[in-house]
Amino acid sequence: MIKAIACVCVFVVVCSAQRPYPLGVAPQAALLVDEGPKPYQFGFNAADEYGTQWSRQEVADGSGAVKGSYSYRDAAGIFRTVEYVADDVHGFRANVQSNEPGLVSSAP
């Protein structure tokens, strides 16, 4: 008798379990469309009260090529500027200019 009651209780619990979505409504799938690269440009210049300066500029054409630069200069005059170009043909190329001690400016 106890087995029968236990089986009925298990049956009721299983039957009353909540479904992940209502009957008759299937989960929706998202359609992802690759629209390719879009042209854009942005930039900023910033400074703090101690004389440190930052800047960044970047431009991209519609083919996926990107060209830009970013720079940093502290209050003591130490600076680093990186100019870069990236495209599908030659990859990422950067030119670093700096007066940091122990660092030599480089170009590809």
PDB file of N, CA and C in Angstrom:
ATOM      1  N   MET A   1       0.812  -1.188   0.000  1.00  0.00           N
ATOM      2  CA  MET A   1       0.000   0.000   0.000  1.00  0.00           C
ATOM      3  C   MET A   1       0.864   1.265   0.000  1.00  0.00           C
ATOM      4  N   ILE A   2       1.941   1.253   0.776  1.00  0.00           N
ATOM      5  CA  ILE A   2       2.818   2.420   0.830  1.00  0.00           C
ATOM      6  C   ILE A   2       3.474   2.640  -0.531  1.00  0.00           C
ATOM      7  N   LYS A   3       3.823   1.540  -1.219  1.00  0.00           N
ATOM      8  CA  LYS A   3       4.417   1.670  -2.547  1.00  0.00           C
ATOM      9  C   LYS A   3       3.432   2.321  -3.508  1.00  0.00           C
ATOM     10  N   ALA A   4       2.184   1.974  -3.433  1.00  0.00           N
ATOM     11  CA  ALA A   4       1.171   2.539  -4.325  1.00  0.00           C
ATOM     12  C   ALA A   4       1.003   4.035  -4.066  1.00  0.00           C
ATOM     13  N   ILE A   5       0.973   4.422  -2.794  1.00  0.00           N
ATOM     14  CA  ILE A   5       0.830   5.844  -2.456  1.00  0.00           C
ATOM     15  C   ILE A   5       2.063   6.619  -2.921  1.00  0.00           C
ATOM     16  N   ALA A   6       3.250   6.034  -2.725  1.00  0.00           N
ATOM     17  CA  ALA A   6       4.483   6.687  -3.158  1.00  0.00           C
ATOM     18  C   ALA A   6       4.501   6.848  -4.670  1.00  0.00           C
ATOM     19  N   CYS A   7       4.057   5.826  -5.400  1.00  0.00           N
ATOM     20  CA  CYS A   7       4.011   5.902  -6.864  1.00  0.00           C
ATOM     21  C   CYS A   7       3.038   6.978  -7.325  1.00  0.00           C
ATOM     22  N   VAL A   8       1.880   7.077  -6.681  1.00  0.00           N
ATOM     23  CA  VAL A   8       0.898   8.103  -7.041  1.00  0.00           C
ATOM     24  C   VAL A   8       1.473   9.490  -6.762  1.00  0.00           C
ATOM     25  N   CYS A   9       2.148   9.665  -5.621  1.00  0.00           N
ATOM     26  CA  CYS A   9       2.752  10.961  -5.287  1.00  0.00           C
ATOM     27  C   CYS A   9       3.823  11.347  -6.303  1.00  0.00           C
ATOM     28  N   VAL A  10       4.662  10.401  -6.677  1.00  0.00           N
ATOM     29  CA  VAL A  10       5.697  10.670  -7.683  1.00  0.00           C
ATOM     30  C   VAL A  10       5.052  11.030  -9.014  1.00  0.00           C
ATOM     31  N   PHE A  11       3.999  10.317  -9.393  1.00  0.00           N
ATOM     32  CA  PHE A  11       3.290  10.585 -10.645  1.00  0.00           C
ATOM     33  C   PHE A  11       2.709  12.000 -10.650  1.00  0.00           C
ATOM     34  N   VAL A  12       2.103  12.407  -9.537  1.00  0.00           N
ATOM     35  CA  VAL A  12       1.511  13.744  -9.438  1.00  0.00           C
ATOM     36  C   VAL A  12       2.594  14.819  -9.534  1.00  0.00           C
ATOM     37  N   VAL A  13       3.714  14.612  -8.863  1.00  0.00           N
ATOM     38  CA  VAL A  13       4.810  15.590  -8.900  1.00  0.00           C
ATOM     39  C   VAL A  13       5.371  15.709 -10.313  1.00  0.00           C
ATOM     40  N   VAL A  14       5.581  14.591 -10.977  1.00  0.00           N
ATOM     41  CA  VAL A  14       6.127  14.611 -12.335  1.00  0.00           C
ATOM     42  C   VAL A  14       5.160  15.285 -13.295  1.00  0.00           C
ATOM     43  N   CYS A  15       3.893  15.006 -13.184  1.00  0.00           N
ATOM     44  CA  CYS A  15       2.898  15.585 -14.091  1.00  0.00           C
ATOM     45  C   CYS A  15       2.695  17.078 -13.857  1.00  0.00           C
ATOM     46  N   SER A  16       2.950  17.553 -12.651  1.00  0.00           N
ATOM     47  CA  SER A  16       2.718  18.964 -12.359  1.00  0.00           C
ATOM     48  C   SER A  16       3.971  19.821 -12.545  1.00  0.00           C
ATOM     49  N   ALA A  17       5.045  19.241 -13.028  1.00  0.00           N
ATOM     50  CA  ALA A  17       6.278  20.007 -13.248  1.00  0.00           C
ATOM     51  C   ALA A  17       6.033  21.101 -14.279  1.00  0.00           C
ATOM     52  N   GLN A  18       6.606  22.269 -14.047  1.00  0.00           N
ATOM     53  CA  GLN A  18       6.399  23.402 -14.948  1.00  0.00           C
ATOM     54  C   GLN A  18       7.173  23.194 -16.241  1.00  0.00           C
ATOM     55  N   ARG A  19       6.544  23.524 -17.346  1.00  0.00           N
ATOM     56  CA  ARG A  19       7.188  23.413 -18.646  1.00  0.00           C
ATOM     57  C   ARG A  19       8.061  24.654 -18.883  1.00  0.00           C
ATOM     58  N   PRO A  20       9.149  24.528 -19.667  1.00  0.00           N
ATOM     59  CA  PRO A  20      10.004  25.689 -19.920  1.00  0.00           C
ATOM     60  C   PRO A  20       9.307  26.768 -20.748  1.00  0.00           C
ATOM     61  N   TYR A  21       8.289  26.410 -21.499  1.00  0.00           N
ATOM     62  CA  TYR A  21       7.500  27.371 -22.263  1.00  0.00           C
ATOM     63  C   TYR A  21       6.112  26.785 -22.441  1.00  0.00           C
ATOM     64  N   PRO A  22       5.101  27.615 -22.642  1.00  0.00           N
ATOM     65  CA  PRO A  22       3.734  27.106 -22.774  1.00  0.00           C
ATOM     66  C   PRO A  22       3.590  26.181 -23.979  1.00  0.00           C
ATOM     67  N   LEU A  23       2.666  25.253 -23.862  1.00  0.00           N
ATOM     68  CA  LEU A  23       2.416  24.342 -24.979  1.00  0.00           C
ATOM     69  C   LEU A  23       1.996  25.128 -26.208  1.00  0.00           C
ATOM     70  N   GLY A  24       2.482  24.723 -27.357  1.00  0.00           N
ATOM     71  CA  GLY A  24       2.118  25.362 -28.607  1.00  0.00           C
ATOM     72  C   GLY A  24       2.982  26.552 -28.973  1.00  0.00           C
ATOM     73  N   VAL A  25       3.907  26.963 -28.095  1.00  0.00           N
ATOM     74  CA  VAL A  25       4.792  28.079 -28.397  1.00  0.00           C
ATOM     75  C   VAL A  25       6.222  27.557 -28.421  1.00  0.00           C
ATOM     76  N   ALA A  26       6.835  27.602 -29.585  1.00  0.00           N
ATOM     77  CA  ALA A  26       8.210  27.116 -29.723  1.00  0.00           C
ATOM     78  C   ALA A  26       9.191  28.236 -29.374  1.00  0.00           C
ATOM     79  N   PRO A  27      10.360  27.900 -28.852  1.00  0.00           N
ATOM     80  CA  PRO A  27      11.364  28.929 -28.583  1.00  0.00           C
ATOM     81  C   PRO A  27      11.792  29.596 -29.892  1.00  0.00           C
ATOM     82  N   GLN A  28      12.026  30.903 -29.845  1.00  0.00           N
ATOM     83  CA  GLN A  28      12.415  31.654 -31.030  1.00  0.00           C
ATOM     84  C   GLN A  28      13.929  31.600 -31.216  1.00  0.00           C
ATOM     85  N   ALA A  29      14.367  31.481 -32.448  1.00  0.00           N
ATOM     86  CA  ALA A  29      15.788  31.503 -32.769  1.00  0.00           C
ATOM     87  C   ALA A  29      16.134  32.870 -33.353  1.00  0.00           C
ATOM     88  N   ALA A  30      17.284  33.402 -32.966  1.00  0.00           N
ATOM     89  CA  ALA A  30      17.716  34.700 -33.480  1.00  0.00           C
ATOM     90  C   ALA A  30      18.397  34.512 -34.829  1.00  0.00           C
ATOM     91  N   LEU A  31      18.140  35.409 -35.739  1.00  0.00           N
ATOM     92  CA  LEU A  31      18.765  35.393 -37.046  1.00  0.00           C
ATOM     93  C   LEU A  31      19.931  36.370 -37.016  1.00  0.00           C
ATOM     94  N   LEU A  32      21.147  35.857 -37.151  1.00  0.00           N
ATOM     95  CA  LEU A  32      22.330  36.700 -37.132  1.00  0.00           C
ATOM     96  C   LEU A  32      22.773  36.972 -38.563  1.00  0.00           C
ATOM     97  N   VAL A  33      22.943  38.226 -38.889  1.00  0.00           N
ATOM     98  CA  VAL A  33      23.348  38.625 -40.230  1.00  0.00           C
ATOM     99  C   VAL A  33      24.689  39.346 -40.130  1.00  0.00           C
ATOM    100  N   ASP A  34      25.676  38.870 -40.864  1.00  0.00           N
ATOM    101  CA  ASP A  34      26.973  39.529 -40.903  1.00  0.00           C
ATOM    102  C   ASP A  34      26.907  40.638 -41.944  1.00  0.00           C
ATOM    103  N   GLU A  35      26.902  41.876 -41.477  1.00  0.00           N
ATOM    104  CA  GLU A  35      26.772  43.007 -42.384  1.00  0.00           C
ATOM    105  C   GLU A  35      28.111  43.509 -42.897  1.00  0.00           C
ATOM    106  N   GLY A  36      29.203  42.919 -42.441  1.00  0.00           N
ATOM    107  CA  GLY A  36      30.514  43.353 -42.897  1.00  0.00           C
ATOM    108  C   GLY A  36      30.972  44.622 -42.196  1.00  0.00           C
ATOM    109  N   PRO A  37      32.192  45.070 -42.515  1.00  0.00           N
ATOM    110  CA  PRO A  37      32.724  46.266 -41.858  1.00  0.00           C
ATOM    111  C   PRO A  37      31.990  47.535 -42.279  1.00  0.00           C
ATOM    112  N   LYS A  38      31.896  48.454 -41.369  1.00  0.00           N
ATOM    113  CA  LYS A  38      31.259  49.748 -41.612  1.00  0.00           C
ATOM    114  C   LYS A  38      32.307  50.850 -41.414  1.00  0.00           C
ATOM    115  N   PRO A  39      32.242  51.912 -42.189  1.00  0.00           N
ATOM    116  CA  PRO A  39      33.172  53.020 -41.965  1.00  0.00           C
ATOM    117  C   PRO A  39      32.835  53.759 -40.663  1.00  0.00           C
ATOM    118  N   TYR A  40      33.867  54.214 -39.965  1.00  0.00           N
ATOM    119  CA  TYR A  40      33.665  55.002 -38.749  1.00  0.00           C
ATOM    120  C   TYR A  40      34.905  55.839 -38.485  1.00  0.00           C
ATOM    121  N   GLN A  41      34.769  56.777 -37.592  1.00  0.00           N
ATOM    122  CA  GLN A  41      35.910  57.535 -37.091  1.00  0.00           C
ATOM    123  C   GLN A  41      35.582  58.048 -35.694  1.00  0.00           C
ATOM    124  N   PHE A  42      36.607  58.108 -34.857  1.00  0.00           N
ATOM    125  CA  PHE A  42      36.430  58.667 -33.524  1.00  0.00           C
ATOM    126  C   PHE A  42      37.769  59.181 -33.028  1.00  0.00           C
ATOM    127  N   GLY A  43      37.728  59.955 -31.990  1.00  0.00           N
ATOM    128  CA  GLY A  43      38.949  60.456 -31.391  1.00  0.00           C
ATOM    129  C   GLY A  43      38.645  61.182 -30.096  1.00  0.00           C
ATOM    130  N   PHE A  44      39.672  61.348 -29.277  1.00  0.00           N
ATOM    131  CA  PHE A  44      39.528  62.129 -28.052  1.00  0.00           C
ATOM    132  C   PHE A  44      40.887  62.652 -27.623  1.00  0.00           C
ATOM    133  N   ASN A  45      40.868  63.699 -26.860  1.00  0.00           N
ATOM    134  CA  ASN A  45      42.037  64.257 -26.192  1.00  0.00           C
ATOM    135  C   ASN A  45      41.637  64.467 -24.742  1.00  0.00           C
ATOM    136  N   ALA A  46      42.511  64.098 -23.825  1.00  0.00           N
ATOM    137  CA  ALA A  46      42.200  64.250 -22.407  1.00  0.00           C
ATOM    138  C   ALA A  46      43.459  64.674 -21.657  1.00  0.00           C
ATOM    139  N   ALA A  47      43.251  65.326 -20.540  1.00  0.00           N
ATOM    140  CA  ALA A  47      44.361  65.742 -19.686  1.00  0.00           C
ATOM    141  C   ALA A  47      43.868  65.775 -18.245  1.00  0.00           C
ATOM    142  N   ASP A  48      44.802  65.581 -17.324  1.00  0.00           N
ATOM    143  CA  ASP A  48      44.425  65.690 -15.917  1.00  0.00           C
ATOM    144  C   ASP A  48      45.088  66.917 -15.289  1.00  0.00           C
ATOM    145  N   GLU A  49      44.821  67.126 -14.022  1.00  0.00           N
ATOM    146  CA  GLU A  49      45.318  68.319 -13.339  1.00  0.00           C
ATOM    147  C   GLU A  49      46.828  68.295 -13.097  1.00  0.00           C
ATOM    148  N   TYR A  50      47.477  67.145 -13.327  1.00  0.00           N
ATOM    149  CA  TYR A  50      48.916  67.024 -13.117  1.00  0.00           C
ATOM    150  C   TYR A  50      49.713  67.258 -14.398  1.00  0.00           C
ATOM    151  N   GLY A  51      49.031  67.462 -15.515  1.00  0.00           N
ATOM    152  CA  GLY A  51      49.723  67.705 -16.779  1.00  0.00           C
ATOM    153  C   GLY A  51      49.860  66.484 -17.668  1.00  0.00           C
ATOM    154  N   THR A  52      49.316  65.352 -17.252  1.00  0.00           N
ATOM    155  CA  THR A  52      49.354  64.153 -18.087  1.00  0.00           C
ATOM    156  C   THR A  52      48.321  64.287 -19.199  1.00  0.00           C
ATOM    157  N   GLN A  53      48.715  63.908 -20.410  1.00  0.00           N
ATOM    158  CA  GLN A  53      47.830  64.029 -21.569  1.00  0.00           C
ATOM    159  C   GLN A  53      47.698  62.680 -22.271  1.00  0.00           C
ATOM    160  N   TRP A  54      46.488  62.386 -22.765  1.00  0.00           N
ATOM    161  CA  TRP A  54      46.217  61.191 -23.556  1.00  0.00           C
ATOM    162  C   TRP A  54      45.468  61.617 -24.803  1.00  0.00           C
ATOM    163  N   SER A  55      45.643  60.887 -25.868  1.00  0.00           N
ATOM    164  CA  SER A  55      44.828  61.142 -27.059  1.00  0.00           C
ATOM    165  C   SER A  55      44.707  59.858 -27.864  1.00  0.00           C
ATOM    166  N   ARG A  56      43.671  59.828 -28.667  1.00  0.00           N
ATOM    167  CA  ARG A  56      43.451  58.670 -29.545  1.00  0.00           C
ATOM    168  C   ARG A  56      42.617  59.116 -30.726  1.00  0.00           C
ATOM    169  N   GLN A  57      42.976  58.658 -31.913  1.00  0.00           N
ATOM    170  CA  GLN A  57      42.213  58.891 -33.126  1.00  0.00           C
ATOM    171  C   GLN A  57      42.199  57.590 -33.916  1.00  0.00           C
ATOM    172  N   GLU A  58      41.073  57.314 -34.573  1.00  0.00           N
ATOM    173  CA  GLU A  58      40.985  56.117 -35.404  1.00  0.00           C
ATOM    174  C   GLU A  58      39.970  56.347 -36.512  1.00  0.00           C
ATOM    175  N   VAL A  59      40.298  55.857 -37.706  1.00  0.00           N
ATOM    176  CA  VAL A  59      39.429  55.961 -38.876  1.00  0.00           C
ATOM    177  C   VAL A  59      39.409  54.601 -39.549  1.00  0.00           C
ATOM    178  N   ALA A  60      38.222  54.138 -39.929  1.00  0.00           N
ATOM    179  CA  ALA A  60      38.089  52.876 -40.659  1.00  0.00           C
ATOM    180  C   ALA A  60      37.273  53.130 -41.916  1.00  0.00           C
ATOM    181  N   ASP A  61      37.709  52.515 -43.015  1.00  0.00           N
ATOM    182  CA  ASP A  61      36.914  52.624 -44.235  1.00  0.00           C
ATOM    183  C   ASP A  61      35.967  51.429 -44.309  1.00  0.00           C
ATOM    184  N   GLY A  62      35.166  51.359 -45.297  1.00  0.00           N
ATOM    185  CA  GLY A  62      34.196  50.279 -45.406  1.00  0.00           C
ATOM    186  C   GLY A  62      34.783  48.943 -45.799  1.00  0.00           C
ATOM    187  N   SER A  63      36.086  48.891 -46.136  1.00  0.00           N
ATOM    188  CA  SER A  63      36.685  47.623 -46.561  1.00  0.00           C
ATOM    189  C   SER A  63      37.299  46.837 -45.409  1.00  0.00           C
ATOM    190  N   GLY A  64      37.338  47.416 -44.212  1.00  0.00           N
ATOM    191  CA  GLY A  64      37.920  46.740 -43.063  1.00  0.00           C
ATOM    192  C   GLY A  64      39.282  47.279 -42.673  1.00  0.00           C
ATOM    193  N   ALA A  65      39.847  48.198 -43.459  1.00  0.00           N
ATOM    194  CA  ALA A  65      41.136  48.793 -43.116  1.00  0.00           C
ATOM    195  C   ALA A  65      40.942  49.837 -42.013  1.00  0.00           C
ATOM    196  N   VAL A  66      41.880  49.858 -41.062  1.00  0.00           N
ATOM    197  CA  VAL A  66      41.814  50.783 -39.933  1.00  0.00           C
ATOM    198  C   VAL A  66      43.149  51.507 -39.826  1.00  0.00           C
ATOM    199  N   LYS A  67      43.086  52.806 -39.568  1.00  0.00           N
ATOM    200  CA  LYS A  67      44.288  53.614 -39.394  1.00  0.00           C
ATOM    201  C   LYS A  67      44.067  54.502 -38.180  1.00  0.00           C
ATOM    202  N   GLY A  68      45.091  54.613 -37.326  1.00  0.00           N
ATOM    203  CA  GLY A  68      44.906  55.445 -36.157  1.00  0.00           C
ATOM    204  C   GLY A  68      46.180  55.678 -35.385  1.00  0.00           C
ATOM    205  N   SER A  69      46.026  56.334 -34.254  1.00  0.00           N
ATOM    206  CA  SER A  69      47.155  56.592 -33.372  1.00  0.00           C
ATOM    207  C   SER A  69      46.641  56.796 -31.950  1.00  0.00           C
ATOM    208  N   TYR A  70      47.548  56.570 -31.001  1.00  0.00           N
ATOM    209  CA  TYR A  70      47.262  56.923 -29.614  1.00  0.00           C
ATOM    210  C   TYR A  70      48.555  57.417 -28.987  1.00  0.00           C
ATOM    211  N   SER A  71      48.429  58.301 -28.022  1.00  0.00           N
ATOM    212  CA  SER A  71      49.624  58.879 -27.425  1.00  0.00           C
ATOM    213  C   SER A  71      49.406  59.158 -25.939  1.00  0.00           C
ATOM    214  N   TYR A  72      50.542  59.274 -25.259  1.00  0.00           N
ATOM    215  CA  TYR A  72      50.569  59.535 -23.818  1.00  0.00           C
ATOM    216  C   TYR A  72      51.756  60.460 -23.552  1.00  0.00           C
ATOM    217  N   ARG A  73      51.556  61.479 -22.763  1.00  0.00           N
ATOM    218  CA  ARG A  73      52.645  62.363 -22.344  1.00  0.00           C
ATOM    219  C   ARG A  73      52.423  62.694 -20.873  1.00  0.00           C
ATOM    220  N   ASP A  74      53.459  62.421 -20.046  1.00  0.00           N
ATOM    221  CA  ASP A  74      53.294  62.731 -18.627  1.00  0.00           C
ATOM    222  C   ASP A  74      53.813  64.136 -18.316  1.00  0.00           C
ATOM    223  N   ALA A  75      53.669  64.548 -17.079  1.00  0.00           N
ATOM    224  CA  ALA A  75      54.032  65.906 -16.674  1.00  0.00           C
ATOM    225  C   ALA A  75      55.530  66.167 -16.812  1.00  0.00           C
ATOM    226  N   ALA A  76      56.351  65.125 -16.763  1.00  0.00           N
ATOM    227  CA  ALA A  76      57.802  65.276 -16.889  1.00  0.00           C
ATOM    228  C   ALA A  76      58.245  65.353 -18.349  1.00  0.00           C
ATOM    229  N   GLY A  77      57.308  65.202 -19.293  1.00  0.00           N
ATOM    230  CA  GLY A  77      57.658  65.287 -20.710  1.00  0.00           C
ATOM    231  C   GLY A  77      57.943  63.952 -21.369  1.00  0.00           C
ATOM    232  N   ILE A  78      57.822  62.855 -20.626  1.00  0.00           N
ATOM    233  CA  ILE A  78      58.009  61.528 -21.224  1.00  0.00           C
ATOM    234  C   ILE A  78      56.790  61.241 -22.093  1.00  0.00           C
ATOM    235  N   PHE A  79      57.027  60.834 -23.336  1.00  0.00           N
ATOM    236  CA  PHE A  79      55.896  60.584 -24.231  1.00  0.00           C
ATOM    237  C   PHE A  79      56.059  59.270 -24.983  1.00  0.00           C
ATOM    238  N   ARG A  80      54.950  58.779 -25.459  1.00  0.00           N
ATOM    239  CA  ARG A  80      54.914  57.626 -26.365  1.00  0.00           C
ATOM    240  C   ARG A  80      53.758  57.865 -27.327  1.00  0.00           C
ATOM    241  N   THR A  81      54.050  57.735 -28.610  1.00  0.00           N
ATOM    242  CA  THR A  81      53.031  57.843 -29.649  1.00  0.00           C
ATOM    243  C   THR A  81      53.104  56.596 -30.510  1.00  0.00           C
ATOM    244  N   VAL A  82      51.972  55.974 -30.733  1.00  0.00           N
ATOM    245  CA  VAL A  82      51.890  54.789 -31.583  1.00  0.00           C
ATOM    246  C   VAL A  82      50.949  55.110 -32.735  1.00  0.00           C
ATOM    247  N   GLU A  83      51.469  55.024 -33.946  1.00  0.00           N
ATOM    248  CA  GLU A  83      50.654  55.169 -35.150  1.00  0.00           C
ATOM    249  C   GLU A  83      50.523  53.783 -35.758  1.00  0.00           C
ATOM    250  N   TYR A  84      49.327  53.398 -36.161  1.00  0.00           N
ATOM    251  CA  TYR A  84      49.122  52.039 -36.652  1.00  0.00           C
ATOM    252  C   TYR A  84      48.200  52.010 -37.861  1.00  0.00           C
ATOM    253  N   VAL A  85      48.349  50.941 -38.622  1.00  0.00           N
ATOM    254  CA  VAL A  85      47.502  50.645 -39.774  1.00  0.00           C
ATOM    255  C   VAL A  85      47.224  49.156 -39.711  1.00  0.00           C
ATOM    256  N   ALA A  86      45.992  48.770 -39.983  1.00  0.00           N
ATOM    257  CA  ALA A  86      45.633  47.348 -40.020  1.00  0.00           C
ATOM    258  C   ALA A  86      44.718  47.124 -41.216  1.00  0.00           C
ATOM    259  N   ASP A  87      45.016  46.066 -41.967  1.00  0.00           N
ATOM    260  CA  ASP A  87      44.159  45.706 -43.098  1.00  0.00           C
ATOM    261  C   ASP A  87      44.279  44.210 -43.359  1.00  0.00           C
ATOM    262  N   ASP A  88      43.469  43.717 -44.273  1.00  0.00           N
ATOM    263  CA  ASP A  88      43.459  42.284 -44.574  1.00  0.00           C
ATOM    264  C   ASP A  88      44.693  41.837 -45.338  1.00  0.00           C
ATOM    265  N   VAL A  89      45.362  42.740 -46.030  1.00  0.00           N
ATOM    266  CA  VAL A  89      46.503  42.368 -46.868  1.00  0.00           C
ATOM    267  C   VAL A  89      47.784  42.258 -46.057  1.00  0.00           C
ATOM    268  N   HIS A  90      48.091  43.285 -45.253  1.00  0.00           N
ATOM    269  CA  HIS A  90      49.370  43.331 -44.539  1.00  0.00           C
ATOM    270  C   HIS A  90      49.241  43.122 -43.037  1.00  0.00           C
ATOM    271  N   GLY A  91      48.045  42.973 -42.516  1.00  0.00           N
ATOM    272  CA  GLY A  91      47.856  42.775 -41.082  1.00  0.00           C
ATOM    273  C   GLY A  91      48.040  44.065 -40.298  1.00  0.00           C
ATOM    274  N   PHE A  92      48.496  43.940 -39.049  1.00  0.00           N
ATOM    275  CA  PHE A  92      48.670  45.092 -38.158  1.00  0.00           C
ATOM    276  C   PHE A  92      50.114  45.566 -38.230  1.00  0.00           C
ATOM    277  N   ARG A  93      50.301  46.875 -38.458  1.00  0.00           N
ATOM    278  CA  ARG A  93      51.637  47.469 -38.500  1.00  0.00           C
ATOM    279  C   ARG A  93      51.627  48.712 -37.618  1.00  0.00           C
ATOM    280  N   ALA A  94      52.653  48.835 -36.788  1.00  0.00           N
ATOM    281  CA  ALA A  94      52.707  49.970 -35.862  1.00  0.00           C
ATOM    282  C   ALA A  94      54.065  50.650 -35.925  1.00  0.00           C
ATOM    283  N   ASN A  95      54.063  51.945 -35.707  1.00  0.00           N
ATOM    284  CA  ASN A  95      55.267  52.752 -35.613  1.00  0.00           C
ATOM    285  C   ASN A  95      55.231  53.430 -34.243  1.00  0.00           C
ATOM    286  N   VAL A  96      56.233  53.157 -33.410  1.00  0.00           N
ATOM    287  CA  VAL A  96      56.273  53.692 -32.045  1.00  0.00           C
ATOM    288  C   VAL A  96      57.333  54.781 -31.969  1.00  0.00           C
ATOM    289  N   GLN A  97      56.950  55.930 -31.453  1.00  0.00           N
ATOM    290  CA  GLN A  97      57.885  57.026 -31.208  1.00  0.00           C
ATOM    291  C   GLN A  97      57.835  57.338 -29.719  1.00  0.00           C
ATOM    292  N   SER A  98      59.019  57.429 -29.103  1.00  0.00           N
ATOM    293  CA  SER A  98      59.045  57.654 -27.661  1.00  0.00           C
ATOM    294  C   SER A  98      60.381  58.235 -27.238  1.00  0.00           C
ATOM    295  N   ASN A  99      60.369  58.931 -26.133  1.00  0.00           N
ATOM    296  CA  ASN A  99      61.610  59.374 -25.506  1.00  0.00           C
ATOM    297  C   ASN A  99      61.781  58.709 -24.140  1.00  0.00           C
ATOM    298  N   GLU A 100      61.102  57.588 -23.936  1.00  0.00           N
ATOM    299  CA  GLU A 100      61.208  56.873 -22.667  1.00  0.00           C
ATOM    300  C   GLU A 100      62.627  56.351 -22.491  1.00  0.00           C
ATOM    301  N   PRO A 101      63.189  56.468 -21.285  1.00  0.00           N
ATOM    302  CA  PRO A 101      64.529  55.937 -21.042  1.00  0.00           C
ATOM    303  C   PRO A 101      64.565  54.427 -21.290  1.00  0.00           C
ATOM    304  N   GLY A 102      65.564  53.991 -22.031  1.00  0.00           N
ATOM    305  CA  GLY A 102      65.724  52.565 -22.300  1.00  0.00           C
ATOM    306  C   GLY A 102      64.895  52.054 -23.454  1.00  0.00           C
ATOM    307  N   LEU A 103      64.160  52.915 -24.128  1.00  0.00           N
ATOM    308  CA  LEU A 103      63.324  52.486 -25.248  1.00  0.00           C
ATOM    309  C   LEU A 103      63.749  53.239 -26.495  1.00  0.00           C
ATOM    310  N   VAL A 104      63.966  52.496 -27.569  1.00  0.00           N
ATOM    311  CA  VAL A 104      64.343  53.098 -28.837  1.00  0.00           C
ATOM    312  C   VAL A 104      63.102  53.175 -29.706  1.00  0.00           C
ATOM    313  N   SER A 105      62.857  54.319 -30.336  1.00  0.00           N
ATOM    314  CA  SER A 105      61.724  54.440 -31.252  1.00  0.00           C
ATOM    315  C   SER A 105      61.895  53.437 -32.377  1.00  0.00           C
ATOM    316  N   SER A 106      60.784  52.869 -32.843  1.00  0.00           N
ATOM    317  CA  SER A 106      60.878  51.833 -33.872  1.00  0.00           C
ATOM    318  C   SER A 106      59.870  52.088 -34.970  1.00  0.00           C
ATOM    319  N   ALA A 107      60.168  51.536 -36.123  1.00  0.00           N
ATOM    320  CA  ALA A 107      59.253  51.569 -37.264  1.00  0.00           C
ATOM    321  C   ALA A 107      59.378  50.235 -37.972  1.00  0.00           C
ATOM    322  N   PRO A 108      58.289  49.732 -38.520  1.00  0.00           N
ATOM    323  CA  PRO A 108      58.371  48.422 -39.188  1.00  0.00           C
ATOM    324  C   PRO A 108      59.220  48.458 -40.435  1.00  0.00           C
TER     325      PRO A 108
END
